[in-house]
C-alpha cells in the first residue's frame, strides 16, 4: 500500500516536472492499479466507454443539426428562386438568414460561385449541400428551370427525413428496454417486495 502511494506520488512529480496538465490523475491511476488492479481496470474501462459514447452522441447531434440546417438553407434558396432571384443571388441571400450550423457550408459554396462561376461551383460542391447543388447543376446544364427541380428534390428529401424519424420512433422502445430493465425494474422490485421481506424478517426475529 505504502509502496503504491510512493510510486503514484513519484509519477505525479515526474509528470509535473514535464509540465503535464493535471499530473495527479495519472499518478492516482498508477497507485490505484498497484493497489487494486482489477477494479481499477474495470472502472477505467467503464469511464472510457461512457466518454466514447458521449463523444459519439455529440458528433451525431452535430451532424444531425448540420443536415437540418442545410435542408432549411435549401428551402431558403428555393424561396429566393421563387422571388425571381438567380441561383447565385438566391444562395447569397440565403447566407444572410441561414442557421449557424449551415453557414460554413453555404458560405464556402457562395465563395466558390464567385471564384469559379455558378455552374462550376455547383458541380464541384461536395459538402453537406451537395445533393441540392447537384440538382441545380443538372438543371443548369439541361436548361430546365431551377426552381421546380429544387422543389422536387426538397419534397423527396422531406419524405426521406420523415421516414427516418418514423423508423427511429419505431426503434425507440427497443433502445429503451435495456435502461428500463437495469434502472427502473430493480427500483420497482425493491419498492414492492422490500416491505414484504422486511415484515417477514421482523416476524421471524421478534
N, C-alpha and C. Protein backbone atom coordinates (compact mmCIF):
# COMPACT_ATOMS: atom_id res chain seq x y z
N UNK A 1 0.83 -1.20 0.00
CA UNK A 1 0.00 0.00 0.00
C UNK A 1 0.87 1.26 0.00
N UNK A 2 1.85 1.29 0.93
CA UNK A 2 2.72 2.45 1.02
C UNK A 2 3.56 2.58 -0.24
N UNK A 3 4.04 1.43 -0.75
CA UNK A 3 4.84 1.45 -1.96
C UNK A 3 4.03 1.99 -3.14
N UNK A 4 2.76 1.60 -3.23
CA UNK A 4 1.91 2.09 -4.32
C UNK A 4 1.71 3.59 -4.23
N UNK A 5 1.52 4.11 -3.00
CA UNK A 5 1.35 5.55 -2.82
C UNK A 5 2.63 6.29 -3.20
N UNK A 6 3.76 5.73 -2.81
CA UNK A 6 5.04 6.37 -3.14
C UNK A 6 5.25 6.41 -4.65
N UNK A 7 4.96 5.29 -5.31
CA UNK A 7 5.11 5.25 -6.78
C UNK A 7 4.16 6.23 -7.45
N UNK A 8 2.94 6.32 -6.94
CA UNK A 8 1.98 7.27 -7.50
C UNK A 8 2.44 8.70 -7.34
N UNK A 9 2.97 9.05 -6.13
CA UNK A 9 3.47 10.41 -5.92
C UNK A 9 4.69 10.70 -6.79
N UNK A 10 5.54 9.68 -6.98
CA UNK A 10 6.70 9.86 -7.84
C UNK A 10 6.28 10.10 -9.29
N UNK A 11 5.27 9.35 -9.73
CA UNK A 11 4.76 9.57 -11.08
C UNK A 11 4.18 10.96 -11.25
N UNK A 12 3.44 11.42 -10.25
CA UNK A 12 2.87 12.77 -10.32
C UNK A 12 3.97 13.82 -10.36
N UNK A 13 5.03 13.64 -9.54
CA UNK A 13 6.12 14.61 -9.52
C UNK A 13 6.87 14.63 -10.85
N UNK A 14 7.09 13.44 -11.42
CA UNK A 14 7.80 13.38 -12.70
C UNK A 14 7.00 14.04 -13.82
N UNK A 15 5.70 13.78 -13.85
CA UNK A 15 4.87 14.39 -14.88
C UNK A 15 4.72 15.89 -14.65
N UNK A 16 4.72 16.31 -13.39
CA UNK A 16 4.65 17.74 -13.11
C UNK A 16 5.89 18.47 -13.57
N UNK A 17 7.05 17.82 -13.44
CA UNK A 17 8.28 18.45 -13.94
C UNK A 17 8.30 18.57 -15.45
N UNK A 18 7.54 17.69 -16.13
CA UNK A 18 7.43 17.77 -17.59
C UNK A 18 6.32 18.71 -18.03
N UNK A 19 5.70 19.43 -17.07
CA UNK A 19 4.64 20.39 -17.33
C UNK A 19 3.41 19.74 -17.97
N UNK A 20 3.12 18.51 -17.52
CA UNK A 20 1.91 17.83 -17.96
C UNK A 20 0.73 18.37 -17.17
N UNK A 21 -0.38 18.63 -17.87
CA UNK A 21 -1.55 19.15 -17.18
C UNK A 21 -2.19 18.07 -16.31
N UNK A 22 -2.56 18.45 -15.10
CA UNK A 22 -3.21 17.57 -14.13
C UNK A 22 -2.40 16.28 -13.93
N UNK A 23 -1.19 16.39 -13.44
CA UNK A 23 -0.38 15.18 -13.26
C UNK A 23 -0.89 14.25 -12.17
N UNK A 24 -1.79 14.76 -11.32
CA UNK A 24 -2.29 13.91 -10.24
C UNK A 24 -3.19 12.80 -10.76
N UNK A 25 -3.78 13.00 -11.95
CA UNK A 25 -4.67 11.97 -12.48
C UNK A 25 -3.90 10.69 -12.83
N UNK A 26 -2.83 10.76 -13.66
CA UNK A 26 -2.08 9.52 -13.91
C UNK A 26 -1.38 9.00 -12.67
N UNK A 27 -0.97 9.90 -11.77
CA UNK A 27 -0.36 9.42 -10.53
C UNK A 27 -1.33 8.62 -9.69
N UNK A 28 -2.55 9.13 -9.57
CA UNK A 28 -3.58 8.40 -8.84
C UNK A 28 -3.92 7.09 -9.54
N UNK A 29 -3.92 7.12 -10.88
CA UNK A 29 -4.20 5.90 -11.63
C UNK A 29 -3.16 4.82 -11.41
N UNK A 30 -1.90 5.22 -11.40
CA UNK A 30 -0.82 4.25 -11.16
C UNK A 30 -0.94 3.64 -9.77
N UNK A 31 -1.21 4.48 -8.78
CA UNK A 31 -1.36 3.98 -7.41
C UNK A 31 -2.56 3.05 -7.29
N UNK A 32 -3.66 3.40 -7.92
CA UNK A 32 -4.85 2.57 -7.85
C UNK A 32 -4.63 1.22 -8.53
N UNK A 33 -3.93 1.21 -9.66
CA UNK A 33 -3.65 -0.05 -10.36
C UNK A 33 -2.78 -0.95 -9.49
N UNK A 34 -1.83 -0.38 -8.80
CA UNK A 34 -0.95 -1.20 -7.94
C UNK A 34 -1.70 -1.73 -6.72
N UNK A 35 -2.65 -0.96 -6.20
CA UNK A 35 -3.38 -1.40 -5.01
C UNK A 35 -4.48 -2.39 -5.38
N UNK A 36 -5.30 -2.05 -6.35
CA UNK A 36 -6.43 -2.91 -6.76
C UNK A 36 -6.51 -2.91 -8.27
N UNK A 37 -5.75 -3.75 -8.94
CA UNK A 37 -5.67 -3.69 -10.41
C UNK A 37 -6.98 -4.02 -11.12
N UNK A 38 -7.67 -5.08 -10.68
CA UNK A 38 -8.88 -5.50 -11.40
C UNK A 38 -10.00 -4.45 -11.30
N UNK A 39 -10.36 -3.98 -10.09
CA UNK A 39 -11.41 -2.95 -10.04
C UNK A 39 -11.01 -1.67 -10.76
N UNK A 40 -9.74 -1.30 -10.67
CA UNK A 40 -9.30 -0.07 -11.32
C UNK A 40 -9.43 -0.17 -12.83
N UNK A 41 -9.02 -1.31 -13.37
CA UNK A 41 -9.13 -1.50 -14.82
C UNK A 41 -10.61 -1.51 -15.24
N UNK A 42 -11.45 -2.14 -14.43
CA UNK A 42 -12.88 -2.18 -14.76
C UNK A 42 -13.49 -0.78 -14.75
N UNK A 43 -13.14 0.02 -13.73
CA UNK A 43 -13.67 1.38 -13.65
C UNK A 43 -13.13 2.23 -14.81
N UNK A 44 -11.84 2.07 -15.12
CA UNK A 44 -11.25 2.83 -16.22
C UNK A 44 -11.92 2.47 -17.55
N UNK A 45 -12.19 1.19 -17.73
CA UNK A 45 -12.87 0.77 -18.97
C UNK A 45 -14.28 1.34 -19.03
N UNK A 46 -14.98 1.37 -17.89
CA UNK A 46 -16.33 1.92 -17.86
C UNK A 46 -16.31 3.41 -18.17
N UNK A 47 -15.37 4.14 -17.57
CA UNK A 47 -15.26 5.58 -17.83
C UNK A 47 -14.92 5.84 -19.29
N UNK A 48 -14.00 5.05 -19.83
CA UNK A 48 -13.62 5.22 -21.24
C UNK A 48 -14.81 4.95 -22.17
N UNK A 49 -15.57 3.90 -21.86
CA UNK A 49 -16.73 3.57 -22.69
C UNK A 49 -17.77 4.67 -22.64
N UNK A 50 -18.03 5.21 -21.44
CA UNK A 50 -19.02 6.28 -21.31
C UNK A 50 -18.57 7.53 -22.05
N UNK A 51 -17.28 7.86 -21.94
CA UNK A 51 -16.78 9.06 -22.63
C UNK A 51 -16.86 8.91 -24.14
N UNK A 52 -16.53 7.71 -24.64
CA UNK A 52 -16.63 7.49 -26.09
C UNK A 52 -18.08 7.57 -26.55
N UNK A 53 -18.99 7.03 -25.75
CA UNK A 53 -20.41 7.09 -26.10
C UNK A 53 -20.89 8.54 -26.12
N UNK A 54 -20.46 9.34 -25.14
CA UNK A 54 -20.85 10.74 -25.11
C UNK A 54 -20.27 11.50 -26.30
N UNK A 55 -19.01 11.20 -26.67
CA UNK A 55 -18.41 11.87 -27.82
C UNK A 55 -19.14 11.50 -29.11
N UNK A 56 -19.48 10.22 -29.26
CA UNK A 56 -20.22 9.79 -30.46
C UNK A 56 -21.60 10.44 -30.50
N UNK A 57 -22.24 10.56 -29.34
CA UNK A 57 -23.56 11.18 -29.30
C UNK A 57 -23.49 12.65 -29.67
N UNK A 58 -22.45 13.36 -29.17
CA UNK A 58 -22.29 14.78 -29.53
C UNK A 58 -22.01 14.93 -31.02
N UNK A 59 -21.16 14.06 -31.57
CA UNK A 59 -20.87 14.13 -33.01
C UNK A 59 -22.12 13.85 -33.83
N UNK A 60 -22.91 12.86 -33.39
CA UNK A 60 -24.14 12.54 -34.12
C UNK A 60 -25.12 13.71 -34.07
N UNK A 61 -25.24 14.35 -32.90
CA UNK A 61 -26.14 15.50 -32.80
C UNK A 61 -25.66 16.65 -33.68
N UNK A 62 -24.34 16.85 -33.75
CA UNK A 62 -23.80 17.93 -34.59
C UNK A 62 -24.09 17.67 -36.06
N UNK A 63 -23.90 16.41 -36.49
CA UNK A 63 -24.18 16.06 -37.89
C UNK A 63 -25.66 16.24 -38.19
N UNK A 64 -26.52 15.80 -37.28
CA UNK A 64 -27.95 15.95 -37.49
C UNK A 64 -28.37 17.41 -37.56
N UNK A 65 -27.79 18.24 -36.68
CA UNK A 65 -28.12 19.67 -36.71
C UNK A 65 -27.65 20.31 -38.00
N UNK A 66 -26.49 19.89 -38.50
CA UNK A 66 -26.00 20.45 -39.76
C UNK A 66 -26.89 20.04 -40.93
N UNK A 67 -27.34 18.78 -40.93
CA UNK A 67 -28.23 18.33 -42.00
C UNK A 67 -29.54 19.11 -41.99
N UNK A 68 -30.10 19.32 -40.80
CA UNK A 68 -31.35 20.07 -40.70
C UNK A 68 -31.15 21.50 -41.18
N UNK A 69 -30.03 22.11 -40.78
CA UNK A 69 -29.78 23.49 -41.17
C UNK A 69 -29.55 23.60 -42.68
N UNK A 70 -28.87 22.62 -43.27
CA UNK A 70 -28.65 22.65 -44.72
C UNK A 70 -29.95 22.46 -45.48
N UNK A 71 -30.84 21.63 -44.95
CA UNK A 71 -32.15 21.48 -45.58
C UNK A 71 -32.93 22.79 -45.54
N UNK A 72 -32.89 23.47 -44.40
CA UNK A 72 -33.56 24.76 -44.30
C UNK A 72 -32.91 25.79 -45.22
N UNK A 73 -31.58 25.70 -45.38
CA UNK A 73 -30.91 26.61 -46.31
C UNK A 73 -31.37 26.37 -47.74
N UNK A 74 -31.56 25.10 -48.10
CA UNK A 74 -32.07 24.79 -49.45
C UNK A 74 -33.48 25.34 -49.63
N UNK A 75 -34.28 25.29 -48.58
CA UNK A 75 -35.62 25.88 -48.66
C UNK A 75 -35.55 27.40 -48.84
N UNK A 76 -34.59 28.04 -48.17
CA UNK A 76 -34.42 29.48 -48.36
C UNK A 76 -33.98 29.80 -49.78
N UNK A 77 -33.12 28.95 -50.34
CA UNK A 77 -32.69 29.15 -51.73
C UNK A 77 -33.87 29.02 -52.67
N UNK A 78 -34.72 28.02 -52.43
CA UNK A 78 -35.91 27.85 -53.26
C UNK A 78 -36.84 29.06 -53.13
N UNK A 79 -36.92 29.62 -51.94
CA UNK A 79 -37.76 30.82 -51.74
C UNK A 79 -37.19 31.99 -52.54
N UNK A 80 -35.86 32.11 -52.55
CA UNK A 80 -35.24 33.17 -53.34
C UNK A 80 -35.46 32.98 -54.82
N UNK A 81 -35.38 31.73 -55.29
CA UNK A 81 -35.65 31.46 -56.71
C UNK A 81 -37.10 31.77 -57.05
N UNK A 82 -38.02 31.46 -56.14
CA UNK A 82 -39.43 31.78 -56.38
C UNK A 82 -39.65 33.28 -56.45
N UNK A 83 -38.79 34.07 -55.80
CA UNK A 83 -38.90 35.51 -55.84
C UNK A 83 -38.25 36.14 -57.06
N UNK A 84 -37.71 35.31 -57.94
CA UNK A 84 -37.13 35.83 -59.17
C UNK A 84 -35.64 36.04 -59.14
N UNK A 85 -34.96 35.62 -58.07
CA UNK A 85 -33.51 35.78 -57.99
C UNK A 85 -32.81 34.71 -58.81
N UNK A 86 -31.58 34.99 -59.20
CA UNK A 86 -30.76 33.98 -59.86
C UNK A 86 -30.28 32.98 -58.83
N UNK A 87 -29.68 31.90 -59.33
CA UNK A 87 -29.21 30.85 -58.40
C UNK A 87 -28.14 31.42 -57.48
N UNK A 88 -27.19 32.16 -58.03
CA UNK A 88 -26.12 32.73 -57.21
C UNK A 88 -26.68 33.74 -56.21
N UNK A 89 -27.61 34.60 -56.65
CA UNK A 89 -28.17 35.59 -55.75
C UNK A 89 -29.02 34.93 -54.66
N UNK A 90 -29.73 33.85 -55.00
CA UNK A 90 -30.53 33.15 -54.00
C UNK A 90 -29.64 32.54 -52.92
N UNK A 91 -28.50 32.01 -53.32
CA UNK A 91 -27.55 31.49 -52.33
C UNK A 91 -27.00 32.61 -51.46
N UNK A 92 -26.69 33.73 -52.06
CA UNK A 92 -26.15 34.86 -51.31
C UNK A 92 -27.14 35.39 -50.29
N UNK A 93 -28.41 35.50 -50.69
CA UNK A 93 -29.44 35.98 -49.76
C UNK A 93 -29.69 34.96 -48.66
N UNK A 94 -29.71 33.67 -49.02
CA UNK A 94 -29.93 32.63 -48.01
C UNK A 94 -28.83 32.62 -46.97
N UNK A 95 -27.60 32.99 -47.37
CA UNK A 95 -26.49 33.03 -46.42
C UNK A 95 -26.74 34.02 -45.30
N UNK A 96 -27.53 35.04 -45.56
CA UNK A 96 -27.82 36.06 -44.54
C UNK A 96 -28.75 35.52 -43.45
N UNK A 97 -29.65 34.63 -43.83
CA UNK A 97 -30.68 34.17 -42.89
C UNK A 97 -30.51 32.73 -42.44
N UNK A 98 -29.50 32.04 -42.93
CA UNK A 98 -29.36 30.62 -42.64
C UNK A 98 -28.93 30.41 -41.19
N UNK A 99 -29.21 29.24 -40.66
CA UNK A 99 -28.82 28.88 -39.30
C UNK A 99 -27.30 28.76 -39.19
N UNK A 100 -26.72 28.98 -38.01
CA UNK A 100 -25.26 28.93 -37.87
C UNK A 100 -24.66 27.58 -38.27
N UNK A 101 -25.40 26.47 -38.09
CA UNK A 101 -24.85 25.16 -38.40
C UNK A 101 -24.58 24.97 -39.90
N UNK A 102 -25.29 25.71 -40.75
CA UNK A 102 -25.11 25.58 -42.20
C UNK A 102 -24.35 26.75 -42.80
N UNK A 103 -23.96 27.72 -41.99
CA UNK A 103 -23.34 28.93 -42.53
C UNK A 103 -21.98 28.63 -43.15
N UNK A 104 -21.23 27.71 -42.57
CA UNK A 104 -19.90 27.41 -43.11
C UNK A 104 -20.01 26.76 -44.48
N UNK A 105 -20.88 25.76 -44.61
CA UNK A 105 -21.02 25.05 -45.88
C UNK A 105 -21.57 25.98 -46.96
N UNK A 106 -22.60 26.77 -46.62
CA UNK A 106 -23.18 27.67 -47.61
C UNK A 106 -22.22 28.80 -47.96
N UNK A 107 -21.50 29.31 -46.98
CA UNK A 107 -20.53 30.35 -47.26
C UNK A 107 -19.42 29.87 -48.18
N UNK A 108 -18.97 28.62 -47.98
CA UNK A 108 -17.95 28.05 -48.87
C UNK A 108 -18.49 27.94 -50.29
N UNK A 109 -19.75 27.55 -50.42
CA UNK A 109 -20.35 27.42 -51.75
C UNK A 109 -20.51 28.78 -52.43
N UNK A 110 -20.90 29.79 -51.66
CA UNK A 110 -21.05 31.13 -52.23
C UNK A 110 -19.71 31.68 -52.71
N UNK A 111 -18.65 31.47 -51.92
CA UNK A 111 -17.32 31.93 -52.34
C UNK A 111 -16.85 31.19 -53.58
N UNK A 112 -17.16 29.89 -53.64
CA UNK A 112 -16.79 29.11 -54.82
C UNK A 112 -17.52 29.61 -56.07
N UNK A 113 -18.78 30.04 -55.90
CA UNK A 113 -19.52 30.59 -57.04
C UNK A 113 -18.87 31.87 -57.56
N UNK A 114 -18.38 32.68 -56.64
CA UNK A 114 -17.73 33.93 -57.05
C UNK A 114 -16.40 33.64 -57.77
N UNK A 115 -15.69 32.60 -57.34
CA UNK A 115 -14.38 32.31 -57.92
C UNK A 115 -14.49 31.51 -59.22
N UNK A 116 -15.34 30.49 -59.24
CA UNK A 116 -15.41 29.57 -60.37
C UNK A 116 -16.55 29.85 -61.34
N UNK A 117 -17.58 30.50 -60.84
CA UNK A 117 -18.81 30.60 -61.60
C UNK A 117 -19.86 29.69 -60.97
N UNK A 118 -21.12 30.02 -61.19
CA UNK A 118 -22.22 29.31 -60.53
C UNK A 118 -22.26 27.84 -60.90
N UNK A 119 -22.23 27.54 -62.18
CA UNK A 119 -22.38 26.16 -62.62
C UNK A 119 -21.21 25.30 -62.18
N UNK A 120 -19.99 25.78 -62.33
CA UNK A 120 -18.81 25.01 -61.93
C UNK A 120 -18.80 24.78 -60.43
N UNK A 121 -19.20 25.78 -59.65
CA UNK A 121 -19.22 25.63 -58.19
C UNK A 121 -20.25 24.60 -57.76
N UNK A 122 -21.41 24.61 -58.39
CA UNK A 122 -22.45 23.64 -58.05
C UNK A 122 -21.99 22.22 -58.39
N UNK A 123 -21.34 22.06 -59.52
CA UNK A 123 -20.86 20.73 -59.91
C UNK A 123 -19.78 20.23 -58.96
N UNK A 124 -18.90 21.14 -58.53
CA UNK A 124 -17.77 20.74 -57.68
C UNK A 124 -18.13 20.65 -56.20
N UNK A 125 -19.32 21.05 -55.83
CA UNK A 125 -19.69 21.04 -54.41
C UNK A 125 -19.74 19.61 -53.88
N UNK A 126 -19.01 19.35 -52.80
CA UNK A 126 -19.02 18.04 -52.16
C UNK A 126 -19.32 18.15 -50.67
N UNK A 127 -19.91 19.26 -50.26
CA UNK A 127 -20.22 19.48 -48.86
C UNK A 127 -21.59 18.96 -48.47
N UNK A 128 -22.10 19.40 -47.33
CA UNK A 128 -23.40 18.93 -46.86
C UNK A 128 -24.56 19.31 -47.77
N UNK A 129 -24.38 20.32 -48.62
CA UNK A 129 -25.45 20.74 -49.52
C UNK A 129 -25.23 20.22 -50.94
N UNK A 130 -24.41 19.19 -51.08
CA UNK A 130 -24.05 18.71 -52.41
C UNK A 130 -25.24 18.14 -53.17
N UNK A 131 -26.21 17.53 -52.48
CA UNK A 131 -27.36 16.95 -53.17
C UNK A 131 -28.17 18.04 -53.87
N UNK A 132 -28.47 19.13 -53.14
CA UNK A 132 -29.20 20.24 -53.76
C UNK A 132 -28.37 20.90 -54.85
N UNK A 133 -27.06 21.00 -54.63
CA UNK A 133 -26.19 21.61 -55.64
C UNK A 133 -26.18 20.80 -56.92
N UNK A 134 -26.14 19.48 -56.80
CA UNK A 134 -26.14 18.63 -57.99
C UNK A 134 -27.45 18.75 -58.76
N UNK A 135 -28.55 18.89 -58.04
CA UNK A 135 -29.85 19.07 -58.71
C UNK A 135 -29.86 20.38 -59.48
N UNK A 136 -29.38 21.45 -58.86
CA UNK A 136 -29.34 22.75 -59.54
C UNK A 136 -28.36 22.73 -60.71
N UNK A 137 -27.23 22.03 -60.55
CA UNK A 137 -26.26 21.94 -61.63
C UNK A 137 -26.84 21.17 -62.82
N UNK A 138 -27.55 20.08 -62.53
CA UNK A 138 -28.18 19.31 -63.61
C UNK A 138 -29.22 20.15 -64.35
N UNK A 139 -29.99 20.93 -63.60
CA UNK A 139 -30.98 21.79 -64.23
C UNK A 139 -30.31 22.86 -65.09
N UNK A 140 -29.17 23.39 -64.60
CA UNK A 140 -28.47 24.42 -65.37
C UNK A 140 -27.88 23.84 -66.66
N UNK A 141 -27.35 22.63 -66.58
CA UNK A 141 -26.75 22.01 -67.77
C UNK A 141 -27.82 21.66 -68.80
N UNK A 142 -28.97 21.15 -68.32
CA UNK A 142 -30.03 20.72 -69.24
C UNK A 142 -30.90 21.87 -69.72
N UNK A 143 -30.79 23.02 -69.06
CA UNK A 143 -31.63 24.14 -69.43
C UNK A 143 -32.99 24.13 -68.79
N UNK A 144 -33.22 23.21 -67.86
CA UNK A 144 -34.52 23.13 -67.17
C UNK A 144 -34.62 24.24 -66.12
N UNK A 145 -35.81 24.65 -65.75
CA UNK A 145 -35.96 25.66 -64.69
C UNK A 145 -35.40 25.13 -63.37
N UNK A 146 -34.71 26.00 -62.66
CA UNK A 146 -34.06 25.58 -61.42
C UNK A 146 -35.05 25.37 -60.29
N UNK A 147 -36.08 26.23 -60.20
CA UNK A 147 -37.00 26.16 -59.07
C UNK A 147 -37.77 24.84 -59.01
N UNK A 148 -38.42 24.37 -60.11
CA UNK A 148 -39.12 23.07 -60.00
C UNK A 148 -38.19 21.92 -59.66
N UNK A 149 -36.97 21.95 -60.19
CA UNK A 149 -36.02 20.88 -59.88
C UNK A 149 -35.67 20.87 -58.40
N UNK A 150 -35.42 22.06 -57.84
CA UNK A 150 -35.07 22.13 -56.42
C UNK A 150 -36.26 21.78 -55.54
N UNK A 151 -37.45 22.22 -55.93
CA UNK A 151 -38.63 21.89 -55.13
C UNK A 151 -38.90 20.39 -55.13
N UNK A 152 -38.69 19.74 -56.28
CA UNK A 152 -38.84 18.28 -56.32
C UNK A 152 -37.84 17.59 -55.42
N UNK A 153 -36.60 18.07 -55.43
CA UNK A 153 -35.57 17.49 -54.54
C UNK A 153 -35.95 17.69 -53.08
N UNK A 154 -36.43 18.87 -52.73
CA UNK A 154 -36.81 19.14 -51.34
C UNK A 154 -37.99 18.27 -50.91
N UNK A 155 -38.90 18.01 -51.80
CA UNK A 155 -40.03 17.15 -51.47
C UNK A 155 -39.58 15.72 -51.19
N UNK A 156 -38.69 15.22 -52.05
CA UNK A 156 -38.16 13.87 -51.83
C UNK A 156 -37.37 13.81 -50.53
N UNK A 157 -36.56 14.84 -50.28
CA UNK A 157 -35.76 14.87 -49.06
C UNK A 157 -36.63 14.95 -47.82
N UNK A 158 -37.71 15.73 -47.89
CA UNK A 158 -38.62 15.82 -46.74
C UNK A 158 -39.28 14.47 -46.46
N UNK A 159 -39.66 13.76 -47.52
CA UNK A 159 -40.25 12.44 -47.34
C UNK A 159 -39.24 11.48 -46.73
N UNK A 160 -37.98 11.56 -47.16
CA UNK A 160 -36.95 10.68 -46.60
C UNK A 160 -36.71 10.99 -45.13
N UNK A 161 -36.66 12.26 -44.77
CA UNK A 161 -36.44 12.63 -43.37
C UNK A 161 -37.61 12.18 -42.51
N UNK A 162 -38.83 12.28 -43.04
CA UNK A 162 -40.00 11.79 -42.28
C UNK A 162 -39.91 10.29 -42.07
N UNK A 163 -39.46 9.55 -43.10
CA UNK A 163 -39.32 8.10 -42.97
C UNK A 163 -38.26 7.75 -41.93
N UNK A 164 -37.15 8.50 -41.91
CA UNK A 164 -36.10 8.24 -40.92
C UNK A 164 -36.61 8.49 -39.50
N UNK A 165 -37.39 9.54 -39.31
CA UNK A 165 -37.91 9.82 -37.98
C UNK A 165 -38.93 8.77 -37.54
N UNK A 166 -39.75 8.31 -38.48
CA UNK A 166 -40.71 7.26 -38.14
C UNK A 166 -39.98 5.97 -37.78
N UNK A 167 -38.90 5.65 -38.51
CA UNK A 167 -38.13 4.45 -38.21
C UNK A 167 -37.45 4.57 -36.84
N UNK A 168 -36.92 5.76 -36.54
CA UNK A 168 -36.30 5.97 -35.22
C UNK A 168 -37.34 5.85 -34.10
N UNK A 169 -38.56 6.34 -34.36
CA UNK A 169 -39.61 6.21 -33.35
C UNK A 169 -40.00 4.75 -33.13
N UNK A 170 -39.98 3.96 -34.18
CA UNK A 170 -40.30 2.52 -34.03
C UNK A 170 -39.21 1.79 -33.26
N UNK A 171 -37.96 2.23 -33.40
CA UNK A 171 -36.85 1.58 -32.70
C UNK A 171 -36.70 2.04 -31.26
N UNK A 172 -37.37 3.13 -30.89
CA UNK A 172 -37.18 3.69 -29.56
C UNK A 172 -37.55 2.74 -28.43
N UNK A 173 -38.67 2.00 -28.49
CA UNK A 173 -38.97 1.07 -27.38
C UNK A 173 -37.89 0.02 -27.18
N UNK A 174 -37.29 -0.45 -28.27
CA UNK A 174 -36.23 -1.46 -28.14
C UNK A 174 -35.00 -0.85 -27.48
N UNK A 175 -34.66 0.40 -27.85
CA UNK A 175 -33.50 1.06 -27.27
C UNK A 175 -33.70 1.39 -25.80
N UNK A 176 -34.95 1.62 -25.40
CA UNK A 176 -35.23 1.95 -24.00
C UNK A 176 -35.40 0.71 -23.13
N UNK A 177 -35.40 -0.47 -23.74
CA UNK A 177 -35.64 -1.69 -22.98
C UNK A 177 -34.52 -1.95 -21.98
N UNK A 178 -33.25 -1.78 -22.40
CA UNK A 178 -32.13 -2.06 -21.50
C UNK A 178 -32.08 -1.09 -20.32
N UNK A 179 -32.12 0.26 -20.54
CA UNK A 179 -32.13 1.13 -19.35
C UNK A 179 -33.37 0.94 -18.49
N UNK A 180 -34.50 0.61 -19.10
CA UNK A 180 -35.70 0.36 -18.30
C UNK A 180 -35.51 -0.85 -17.40
N UNK A 181 -34.89 -1.89 -17.96
CA UNK A 181 -34.68 -3.12 -17.19
C UNK A 181 -33.65 -2.91 -16.09
N UNK A 182 -32.56 -2.17 -16.40
CA UNK A 182 -31.47 -2.02 -15.44
C UNK A 182 -31.76 -0.99 -14.36
N UNK A 183 -32.55 0.01 -14.65
CA UNK A 183 -32.74 1.12 -13.72
C UNK A 183 -34.11 1.11 -13.06
N UNK A 184 -35.15 0.95 -13.84
CA UNK A 184 -36.50 1.09 -13.28
C UNK A 184 -36.95 -0.19 -12.60
N UNK A 185 -36.68 -1.34 -13.25
CA UNK A 185 -37.17 -2.60 -12.69
C UNK A 185 -36.60 -2.91 -11.31
N UNK A 186 -35.28 -2.74 -11.05
CA UNK A 186 -34.81 -3.00 -9.67
C UNK A 186 -35.47 -2.11 -8.64
N UNK A 187 -35.67 -0.83 -8.97
CA UNK A 187 -36.34 0.06 -8.02
C UNK A 187 -37.77 -0.37 -7.77
N UNK A 188 -38.45 -0.80 -8.83
CA UNK A 188 -39.83 -1.26 -8.66
C UNK A 188 -39.89 -2.51 -7.79
N UNK A 189 -38.94 -3.42 -8.00
CA UNK A 189 -38.90 -4.65 -7.19
C UNK A 189 -38.64 -4.31 -5.73
N UNK A 190 -37.68 -3.41 -5.47
CA UNK A 190 -37.39 -3.03 -4.09
C UNK A 190 -38.60 -2.34 -3.45
N UNK A 191 -39.30 -1.54 -4.22
CA UNK A 191 -40.44 -0.81 -3.67
C UNK A 191 -41.60 -1.73 -3.33
N UNK A 192 -41.79 -2.78 -4.12
CA UNK A 192 -42.94 -3.67 -3.90
C UNK A 192 -42.60 -4.86 -3.01
N UNK A 193 -41.42 -5.44 -3.23
CA UNK A 193 -41.06 -6.65 -2.48
C UNK A 193 -40.37 -6.30 -1.17
N UNK A 194 -39.68 -5.14 -1.13
CA UNK A 194 -38.91 -4.78 0.07
C UNK A 194 -39.72 -4.76 1.34
N UNK A 195 -40.85 -4.04 1.39
CA UNK A 195 -41.63 -4.03 2.64
C UNK A 195 -42.09 -5.42 3.08
N UNK A 196 -42.43 -6.28 2.11
CA UNK A 196 -42.85 -7.64 2.45
C UNK A 196 -41.72 -8.42 3.09
N UNK A 197 -40.51 -8.29 2.51
CA UNK A 197 -39.35 -9.00 3.06
C UNK A 197 -39.01 -8.49 4.45
N UNK A 198 -39.05 -7.16 4.62
CA UNK A 198 -38.76 -6.59 5.95
C UNK A 198 -39.78 -7.05 6.97
N UNK A 199 -41.06 -7.08 6.58
CA UNK A 199 -42.09 -7.55 7.50
C UNK A 199 -41.90 -9.01 7.86
N UNK A 200 -41.52 -9.84 6.90
CA UNK A 200 -41.29 -11.25 7.18
C UNK A 200 -40.11 -11.44 8.12
N UNK A 201 -39.02 -10.69 7.90
CA UNK A 201 -37.85 -10.79 8.80
C UNK A 201 -38.20 -10.33 10.20
N UNK A 202 -39.06 -9.31 10.29
CA UNK A 202 -39.45 -8.83 11.63
C UNK A 202 -40.26 -9.88 12.37
N UNK A 203 -41.14 -10.58 11.67
CA UNK A 203 -41.93 -11.64 12.32
C UNK A 203 -41.06 -12.82 12.69
N UNK A 204 -40.05 -13.13 11.90
CA UNK A 204 -39.17 -14.28 12.20
C UNK A 204 -38.23 -13.97 13.33
N UNK A 205 -37.87 -12.70 13.51
CA UNK A 205 -36.95 -12.31 14.58
C UNK A 205 -37.62 -11.26 15.46
N UNK A 206 -38.51 -11.68 16.32
CA UNK A 206 -39.22 -10.74 17.17
C UNK A 206 -38.30 -10.09 18.20
